[in-house]
Protein backbone atom coordinates (compact mmCIF):
# COMPACT_ATOMS: atom_id res chain seq x y z
CA MET A 1 0.07 0.01 0.09
CA THR A 2 2.66 2.42 0.72
CA VAL A 3 4.82 1.56 -2.38
CA THR A 4 1.71 2.11 -4.37
CA ALA A 5 1.07 5.30 -2.94
CA THR A 6 4.75 6.70 -3.15
CA GLY A 7 4.76 5.44 -6.72
CA THR A 8 1.84 7.65 -7.42
CA THR A 9 2.96 10.73 -5.72
CA ALA A 10 6.33 10.30 -7.68
CA ARG A 11 4.27 9.86 -10.84
CA GLY A 12 1.99 12.89 -9.90
CA ARG A 13 5.66 15.14 -9.49
CA ARG A 14 6.75 14.40 -12.54
CA ALA A 15 3.57 15.14 -14.39
CA LEU A 16 3.39 18.43 -12.64
CA ILE A 17 6.91 18.94 -13.68
CA SER A 18 6.38 18.19 -17.33
CA GLU A 19 3.13 20.40 -17.60
CA THR A 20 5.17 23.41 -15.85
CA TRP A 21 7.85 23.02 -18.43
CA ARG A 22 5.52 22.55 -21.42
CA THR A 23 3.42 25.73 -20.10
CA LEU A 24 6.83 27.66 -20.12
CA ARG A 25 7.75 26.57 -23.36
CA THR A 26 4.49 27.54 -25.15
CA ALA A 27 3.89 30.90 -23.29
CA HIS A 28 4.25 33.85 -24.79
CA PRO A 29 8.03 35.60 -24.53
CA VAL A 30 6.69 38.61 -23.04
CA ARG A 31 4.91 36.33 -20.04
CA VAL A 32 8.32 34.55 -19.47
CA LEU A 33 10.27 37.84 -19.58
CA ARG A 34 8.06 39.21 -16.93
CA LEU A 35 8.32 35.92 -14.79
CA LEU A 36 12.31 36.25 -15.05
CA ARG A 37 11.98 39.76 -14.16
CA ALA A 38 10.06 38.96 -10.80
CA GLY A 39 12.59 36.12 -10.21
CA LEU A 40 15.62 38.24 -10.64
CA LEU A 41 13.86 40.55 -8.11
CA ALA A 42 13.24 37.80 -5.75
CA THR A 43 16.98 36.79 -5.90
CA VAL A 44 17.95 40.38 -4.80
CA CYS A 45 15.48 40.06 -2.04
CA ALA A 46 16.71 36.57 -1.05
CA THR A 47 20.32 38.28 -1.09
CA ALA A 48 19.07 40.89 1.44
CA VAL A 49 17.74 38.44 3.73
CA VAL A 50 20.84 36.29 3.77
CA TYR A 51 22.73 39.26 4.47
CA LEU A 52 20.77 40.39 7.37
CA VAL A 53 20.77 36.94 8.72
CA THR A 54 24.54 36.31 8.22
CA ALA A 55 25.21 39.61 10.00
CA THR A 56 23.13 39.17 12.78
CA GLN A 57 23.93 35.37 13.93
CA GLY A 58 27.46 35.96 12.61
CA GLY A 59 27.87 38.79 15.02
CA GLN A 60 26.72 36.78 17.97
CA GLU A 61 28.80 34.06 17.34
CA VAL A 62 31.75 36.53 16.88
CA THR A 63 30.61 37.65 20.71
CA THR A 64 30.67 34.21 21.82
CA VAL A 65 33.97 33.46 20.73
CA ARG A 66 35.23 36.43 21.85
CA HIS A 67 34.02 35.68 25.48
CA SER A 68 35.46 31.87 25.05
CA LYS A 69 38.88 33.61 24.12
CA ALA A 70 38.71 35.90 27.01
CA ALA A 71 37.94 33.00 29.40
CA GLY A 72 41.08 31.14 27.77
CA ASP A 73 43.31 34.08 28.80
CA GLN A 74 41.70 34.35 32.38
CA LEU A 75 42.60 30.54 32.80
CA ALA A 76 46.06 31.23 31.64
CA ALA A 77 46.52 34.09 34.06
CA ALA A 78 45.09 31.65 36.79
CA ARG A 79 47.90 29.22 35.88
CA GLU A 80 50.35 31.80 36.27
CA ALA A 81 48.98 32.82 39.47
CA VAL A 82 49.01 29.36 41.06
CA ASP A 83 53.35 29.46 40.35
CA THR A 84 53.07 32.96 42.24
CA ALA A 85 51.11 31.53 45.12
CA ASP A 86 53.54 28.70 45.31
CA ARG A 87 56.73 30.98 45.19
CA ALA A 88 54.98 33.21 48.08
CA LEU A 89 54.72 29.99 50.16
CA PHE A 90 58.23 28.78 49.46
CA ASP A 91 59.25 32.46 50.63
CA ALA A 92 57.42 32.25 53.65
CA VAL A 93 59.05 28.89 54.73
CA GLU A 94 62.48 30.22 53.74
CA THR A 95 62.32 33.11 55.83
CA GLY A 96 60.81 31.65 58.58
CA GLN A 97 57.81 34.02 58.31
CA ILE A 98 55.57 31.40 58.29
CA GLU A 99 55.67 30.95 61.97
CA LEU A 100 54.71 34.58 62.47
CA ILE A 101 52.26 35.52 59.85
CA GLY A 102 51.40 32.32 58.32
CA PRO A 103 51.64 32.05 54.45
CA GLY A 104 51.60 35.85 54.01
CA ALA A 105 49.51 38.40 52.31
CA GLU A 106 50.81 37.74 48.84
CA PHE A 107 49.56 34.04 48.96
CA ALA A 108 46.24 34.92 50.21
CA ASN A 109 45.65 37.52 47.42
CA THR A 110 46.76 35.25 44.90
CA THR A 111 44.81 32.50 45.64
CA ALA A 112 41.92 34.85 45.88
CA ARG A 113 42.56 36.08 42.55
CA ILE A 114 42.73 32.65 41.27
CA GLY A 115 39.43 31.95 42.54
CA THR A 116 38.16 35.25 40.76
CA LEU A 117 40.02 34.42 37.68
CA LEU A 118 38.03 30.75 37.39
CA THR A 119 34.90 32.55 38.59
CA ALA A 120 35.11 34.81 35.49
CA ALA A 121 36.30 32.35 33.14
CA THR A 122 33.14 30.34 33.54
CA GLN A 123 31.12 33.05 31.87
CA GLY A 124 32.94 32.18 28.40
CA ASN A 125 32.67 28.24 28.80
CA ALA A 126 33.18 26.90 25.39
CA ALA A 127 33.08 22.96 26.04
CA GLY A 128 29.62 22.82 27.52
CA ALA A 129 28.58 20.02 30.31
CA ASN A 130 32.18 18.93 30.27
CA GLY A 131 33.44 22.31 30.66
CA ARG A 132 31.07 23.04 33.71
CA ALA A 133 32.04 19.83 35.37
CA GLN A 134 35.97 20.63 34.94
CA PHE A 135 35.53 23.94 36.18
CA GLN A 136 33.74 23.02 39.38
CA PHE A 137 36.48 20.24 39.72
CA VAL A 138 39.10 23.04 39.35
CA GLN A 139 37.39 25.25 41.95
CA GLY A 140 36.94 22.56 44.63
CA LYS A 141 40.47 21.45 44.06
CA LEU A 142 41.46 25.09 44.76
CA LEU A 143 39.48 25.08 47.99
CA ILE A 144 40.91 21.73 49.12
CA CYS A 145 44.52 23.24 48.54
CA GLN A 146 43.86 26.39 50.58
CA GLN A 147 42.48 24.17 53.60
CA LEU A 148 45.48 22.06 53.34
CA ILE A 149 47.87 24.58 53.42
CA ASN A 150 46.04 26.41 56.03
CA THR A 151 45.93 22.99 57.99
CA ALA A 152 49.78 22.73 57.33
CA VAL A 153 50.73 26.04 58.70
CA SER A 154 48.42 25.59 61.91
CA ASP A 155 50.34 22.23 62.37
CA TYR A 156 53.83 23.87 61.41
CA PRO A 157 55.06 23.67 64.99
CA HIS A 158 54.83 19.67 65.08
CA SER A 159 55.17 18.90 61.39
CA GLY A 160 57.59 21.67 60.42
CA PRO A 161 58.58 22.46 56.89
CA ALA A 162 57.99 18.84 55.78
CA GLY A 163 54.19 19.34 55.92
CA VAL A 164 54.04 22.47 54.17
CA GLU A 165 56.05 21.26 51.35
CA SER A 166 53.52 18.18 51.24
CA ALA A 167 50.96 20.56 50.87
CA ARG A 168 52.55 22.65 48.27
CA ASP A 169 52.63 19.78 46.25
CA THR A 170 48.98 19.96 45.82
CA LEU A 171 49.63 23.40 44.06
CA THR A 172 52.36 22.42 41.53
CA ALA A 173 52.43 18.25 41.27
CA ALA A 174 53.07 17.10 38.04
CA ARG A 175 50.70 14.59 36.13
CA LEU A 176 50.95 10.98 36.75
CA ARG A 177 52.52 9.10 33.88
CA ASP A 178 50.79 6.11 32.26
CA PRO A 179 53.45 3.23 33.06
CA GLY A 180 52.64 1.53 29.71
CA THR A 181 52.95 4.46 27.28
CA GLY A 182 54.82 7.28 29.44
CA ARG A 183 52.18 9.67 28.64
CA GLU A 184 50.89 12.08 31.10
CA VAL A 185 47.38 11.11 32.42
CA PRO A 186 44.93 13.85 32.42
CA GLY A 187 43.22 14.82 35.49
CA THR A 188 46.12 13.98 37.73
CA GLY A 189 48.69 16.25 39.45
CA GLY A 190 48.30 19.50 41.42
CA LEU A 191 46.06 22.74 40.68
CA ARG A 192 48.27 23.75 37.86
CA ALA A 193 47.98 20.92 36.18
CA SER A 194 44.17 20.69 36.57
CA ILE A 195 43.93 24.43 35.23
CA LYS A 196 46.25 23.23 32.03
CA ASP A 197 43.37 20.46 31.77
CA LEU A 198 40.81 22.96 31.74
CA GLN A 199 42.49 25.04 29.01
CA ASP A 200 43.00 22.23 26.76
CA LEU A 201 39.37 21.41 27.17
CA GLN A 202 38.41 25.21 26.34
CA ASN A 203 41.06 25.51 23.56
CA ALA A 204 39.23 22.52 21.84
CA GLY A 205 36.15 23.87 22.49
CA LEU A 206 36.94 27.45 20.93
CA ALA A 207 38.40 25.81 17.92
CA ARG A 208 35.11 23.96 17.37
CA GLN A 209 33.38 27.69 17.77
CA ARG A 210 35.48 29.39 15.39
CA ASP A 211 34.67 26.45 12.60
CA ALA A 212 31.00 26.08 13.19
CA GLY A 213 27.64 27.42 12.33
CA TRP A 214 27.63 30.94 10.63
CA LEU A 215 31.99 31.03 11.17
CA ASP A 216 32.11 28.06 9.12
CA PRO A 217 33.65 29.39 5.75
CA VAL A 218 32.22 26.70 3.61
CA GLN A 219 28.67 26.95 5.03
CA LEU A 220 28.60 30.55 5.08
CA TRP A 221 29.87 31.04 1.48
CA GLY A 222 27.55 28.11 0.21
CA LEU A 223 24.52 29.77 1.65
CA ALA A 224 25.52 33.40 0.71
CA LEU A 225 26.42 32.35 -2.93
CA ALA A 226 22.90 30.50 -3.54
CA PRO A 227 20.82 33.74 -4.45
CA PRO A 228 23.77 35.07 -6.87
CA LEU A 229 24.17 31.90 -8.69
CA LEU A 230 20.24 31.27 -9.13
CA MET A 231 20.49 35.06 -10.39
CA LEU A 232 23.28 33.91 -12.95
CA ILE A 233 20.92 31.34 -14.22
CA LEU A 234 17.94 33.51 -14.47
CA CYS A 235 20.28 36.01 -16.48
CA CYS A 236 21.18 33.48 -18.88
CA ALA A 237 17.87 32.56 -19.44
CA THR A 238 16.73 36.26 -19.99
CA ALA A 239 20.01 36.46 -22.46
CA ARG A 240 18.31 33.60 -24.43
CA ILE A 241 14.98 34.89 -24.46
CA LEU A 242 16.18 38.33 -25.53
CA ALA A 243 18.32 36.79 -28.27
CA VAL A 244 15.95 34.20 -29.68
CA HIS A 245 12.57 36.27 -29.29
CA PHE A 246 13.58 40.05 -29.40
CA ARG A 247 16.57 39.95 -31.22
CA ARG A 248 18.37 41.87 -28.76
CA ARG A 249 21.52 41.45 -26.56
CA VAL A 250 21.60 41.72 -22.73
CA ASN A 251 21.79 45.43 -21.78
CA GLY A 252 24.13 46.75 -18.96
CA TYR A 253 21.54 47.21 -16.49
CA LEU A 254 21.16 43.41 -16.11
CA VAL A 255 24.73 42.97 -15.83
CA ALA A 256 25.04 45.56 -13.35
CA THR A 257 22.22 44.08 -11.35
CA LEU A 258 24.53 40.80 -11.00
CA ALA A 259 27.29 42.65 -10.50
CA VAL A 260 25.85 44.56 -7.62
CA THR A 261 24.39 41.52 -6.10
CA LEU A 262 27.90 39.69 -6.26
CA ALA A 263 29.73 42.41 -4.57
CA VAL A 264 27.06 42.49 -1.81
CA THR A 265 27.61 38.91 -1.36
CA GLY A 266 31.29 39.21 -1.10
CA VAL A 267 31.41 42.01 0.90
CA SER A 268 29.12 40.38 3.42
CA VAL A 269 30.86 37.41 3.77
CA GLY A 270 34.34 38.71 3.54
CA LEU A 271 33.19 41.32 6.73
CA THR A 272 31.75 38.49 8.52
CA LEU A 273 34.84 36.46 8.47
CA TRP A 274 37.31 39.42 9.22
CA ASP A 275 35.10 40.08 12.16
CA GLU A 276 35.66 36.34 13.17
CA ALA A 277 39.48 36.60 12.60
CA ARG A 278 39.80 39.67 14.64
CA LEU A 279 37.19 39.14 17.04
CA ALA A 280 35.78 42.36 16.87
CA LEU A 281 33.91 44.02 19.81
CA HIS A 282 31.53 45.64 17.28
CA PRO A 283 31.25 43.60 14.27
CA ALA A 284 31.56 45.52 10.84
CA ALA A 285 29.05 43.40 9.13
CA GLY A 286 26.41 44.36 11.54
CA HIS A 287 27.29 47.75 11.71
CA PRO A 288 24.39 49.98 11.19
CA VAL A 289 26.17 52.13 8.60
CA THR A 290 27.33 48.69 6.74
CA MET A 291 23.49 47.61 6.69
CA THR A 292 22.44 50.90 5.55
CA LEU A 293 24.83 50.92 2.66
CA VAL A 294 24.27 47.09 1.69
CA LEU A 295 20.42 47.47 1.60
CA LEU A 296 20.62 50.71 -0.51
CA ALA A 297 23.03 48.84 -2.82
CA LEU A 298 20.26 45.70 -3.25
CA VAL A 299 17.43 48.49 -3.43
CA GLY A 300 19.62 49.92 -6.53
CA ALA A 301 20.00 46.30 -7.82
CA GLY A 302 16.24 45.92 -8.09
CA VAL A 303 15.99 49.40 -9.80
CA LEU A 304 18.55 48.24 -12.27
CA ASN A 305 16.52 44.93 -12.85
CA HIS A 306 13.62 47.04 -13.88
CA LEU A 307 15.19 49.45 -16.25
CA ALA A 308 16.77 46.15 -17.72
CA HIS A 309 13.57 44.66 -18.58
CA ARG A 310 11.40 47.97 -19.05
CA SER A 311 12.29 48.86 -22.88
CA ARG A 312 11.78 45.14 -23.92
CA LEU A 313 8.44 44.77 -22.22
CA ALA A 314 7.46 48.28 -23.60
CA GLU A 315 7.67 47.02 -27.43
CA TYR A 316 4.54 44.97 -26.52
CA ARG A 317 1.43 46.33 -25.40
CA TYR A 318 -0.67 43.28 -24.77
CA PRO A 319 -2.77 42.86 -21.76
CA ARG A 320 -0.92 40.81 -19.02
CA PRO A 321 -1.93 37.34 -19.21
């Protein structure tokens, strides 16, 4: 039953296409020319829609990528701050100040800065649920490091420098290595190693963001070039109608219509990719001045399309079918 219905639908579709083609072949050339003019105008409108969507969505994705890039910079700063905190704790032990003032103000301020950087970096998470889980893990590890170091400082009269040195390992301990391959095992090591794992995860997510969606050059060019390619086909059909039925060549207005549309497409895609490359704070593709100029150019393309067909259609005074 389903196969029969599918076959009937396919035959009906082929019959409709055949009937439409026959109608166009037998239609008066003026009617076909009017249809081509309408089709060209529709492609100009489609170009405007594609530009508006590309500029808007592309600008939003550029903003997202910029936040993710900022998060990566904050993680790098947090990783450097771990080394600063470790040096501050080492100096406190070496100078004996740890017995008087504990880890010291520099250590306290640096660990507080690490927490602030990690919290700020979560706003630009580029790794989805895995990224959120890793952020929580690193923030929890920071709290554990602070607690262990504070405990070691409190017990310093009994445990001495050995206890503090053991607590320092929670900050800077290297990753464990796989006995079989010798490679570092992700998820192990101290706070600095955990932040490095988080950086790697975020960098991978950032790379995906920069090559996906409206920022994917292949997808972007493919969508943007669809209306101009359709316009090129319609222009070729118009040229044939003019040559066969009107004994005329394509005039400059029609060529200018195609040229303006192609120029707008190239400018819109180029600006979007440029915005992505420089992570623009104010994307040029979606700037009000750019939008105004592009839309005015497309209005001009529509006017040129009308002028390109007006003289030929004026030769016939038949009523519209």
